[in-house]
Amino acid sequence: MSETGEGWIKESVGKYVPGLRVAARYIYRRGRLYWMAYERMMAPKVFPQPVRSILFVCTGNIIRSPLGEVYLREKARIEGHLITVDSA
């Protein structure tokens, strides 16, 4: 084809289109993975139904487990969960 016509443009673009399609597929799939991870991370966290009691055990710091117990007990009371919370 001649250099003055539009044929060389179509030929040049035709060489790059398959590569662009592969790159676009890769970016799309990667984006979907990131979006799925984001949705999973941002989903509301709820207590599973079978949980009835929670025991905090802390080694090395005598205030950490009682503090966790008080915090979770209050949080569960506010949200209306009927669970038993203790610390050892």
Protein backbone atom coordinates (compact mmCIF):
# COMPACT_ATOMS: atom_id res chain seq x y z
CA MET A 1 0.00 0.00 0.00
CA SER A 2 1.12 3.53 -0.54
CA GLU A 3 2.38 5.79 2.22
CA THR A 4 0.07 8.59 1.13
CA GLY A 5 -3.21 6.71 1.57
CA GLU A 6 -5.02 5.58 4.70
CA GLY A 7 -3.92 1.98 4.29
CA TRP A 8 -0.74 2.36 6.28
CA ILE A 9 -2.72 3.78 9.22
CA LYS A 10 -5.08 0.80 9.25
CA GLU A 11 -2.13 -1.56 8.97
CA SER A 12 -0.27 0.13 11.83
CA VAL A 13 -3.32 0.17 14.07
CA GLY A 14 -4.05 -3.45 13.18
CA LYS A 15 -0.67 -4.47 14.59
CA TYR A 16 -1.37 -2.86 17.97
CA VAL A 17 -5.03 -3.81 18.47
CA PRO A 18 -4.40 -7.44 19.55
CA GLY A 19 -1.89 -6.25 22.14
CA LEU A 20 -4.29 -3.61 23.38
CA ARG A 21 -7.02 -6.19 23.74
CA VAL A 22 -4.76 -8.43 25.82
CA ALA A 23 -3.75 -5.47 28.00
CA ALA A 24 -7.37 -4.38 28.41
CA ARG A 25 -8.41 -7.90 29.47
CA TYR A 26 -5.57 -8.02 32.00
CA ILE A 27 -6.47 -4.61 33.45
CA TYR A 28 -10.17 -5.51 33.59
CA ARG A 29 -9.54 -8.79 35.40
CA ARG A 30 -7.08 -7.18 37.80
CA GLY A 31 -9.56 -4.40 38.52
CA ARG A 32 -12.31 -6.90 39.23
CA LEU A 33 -10.07 -8.73 41.70
CA TYR A 34 -9.31 -5.49 43.50
CA TRP A 35 -12.98 -4.53 43.52
CA MET A 36 -14.01 -7.92 44.92
CA ALA A 37 -11.38 -7.62 47.65
CA TYR A 38 -12.60 -4.11 48.45
CA GLU A 39 -16.23 -5.23 48.67
CA ARG A 40 -15.30 -8.12 50.93
CA MET A 41 -13.23 -5.89 53.20
CA MET A 42 -15.92 -3.22 53.43
CA ALA A 43 -18.84 -5.62 53.97
CA PRO A 44 -20.54 -5.13 57.34
CA LYS A 45 -19.16 -7.44 59.99
CA VAL A 46 -21.71 -9.33 62.05
CA PHE A 47 -21.51 -11.92 64.77
CA PRO A 48 -22.21 -15.44 63.55
CA GLN A 49 -25.39 -16.85 65.05
CA PRO A 50 -23.82 -19.83 66.89
CA VAL A 51 -21.59 -17.62 69.09
CA ARG A 52 -22.95 -17.64 72.64
CA SER A 53 -19.88 -16.84 74.73
CA ILE A 54 -16.47 -15.25 74.27
CA LEU A 55 -13.48 -15.63 76.57
CA PHE A 56 -10.60 -13.13 76.46
CA VAL A 57 -7.25 -14.59 77.47
CA CYS A 58 -4.19 -12.37 77.61
CA THR A 59 -0.67 -13.34 78.58
CA GLY A 60 1.72 -10.67 79.75
CA ASN A 61 -0.61 -7.74 80.38
CA ILE A 62 -3.10 -7.95 83.25
CA ILE A 63 -5.35 -5.13 82.04
CA ARG A 64 -5.77 -6.06 78.37
CA SER A 65 -8.22 -8.96 78.72
CA PRO A 66 -10.52 -7.23 81.27
CA LEU A 67 -10.54 -4.14 79.06
CA GLY A 68 -11.46 -6.25 76.02
CA GLU A 69 -14.18 -7.96 78.04
CA VAL A 70 -15.77 -4.67 79.11
CA TYR A 71 -15.55 -3.20 75.61
CA LEU A 72 -17.09 -6.21 73.87
CA ARG A 73 -19.77 -6.66 76.50
CA GLU A 74 -20.87 -3.03 76.04
CA LYS A 75 -20.68 -3.25 72.22
CA ALA A 76 -22.80 -6.44 72.25
CA ARG A 77 -25.34 -4.85 74.60
CA ILE A 78 -25.68 -1.78 72.35
CA GLU A 79 -26.17 -3.92 69.25
CA GLY A 80 -28.61 -6.25 71.03
CA HIS A 81 -26.57 -9.47 70.99
CA LEU A 82 -27.17 -11.97 73.77
CA ILE A 83 -23.68 -13.31 74.47
CA THR A 84 -21.63 -14.01 77.57
CA VAL A 85 -18.25 -12.27 77.75
CA ASP A 86 -15.57 -13.20 80.30
CA SER A 87 -11.85 -12.70 80.77
CA ALA A 88 -9.33 -15.06 82.29
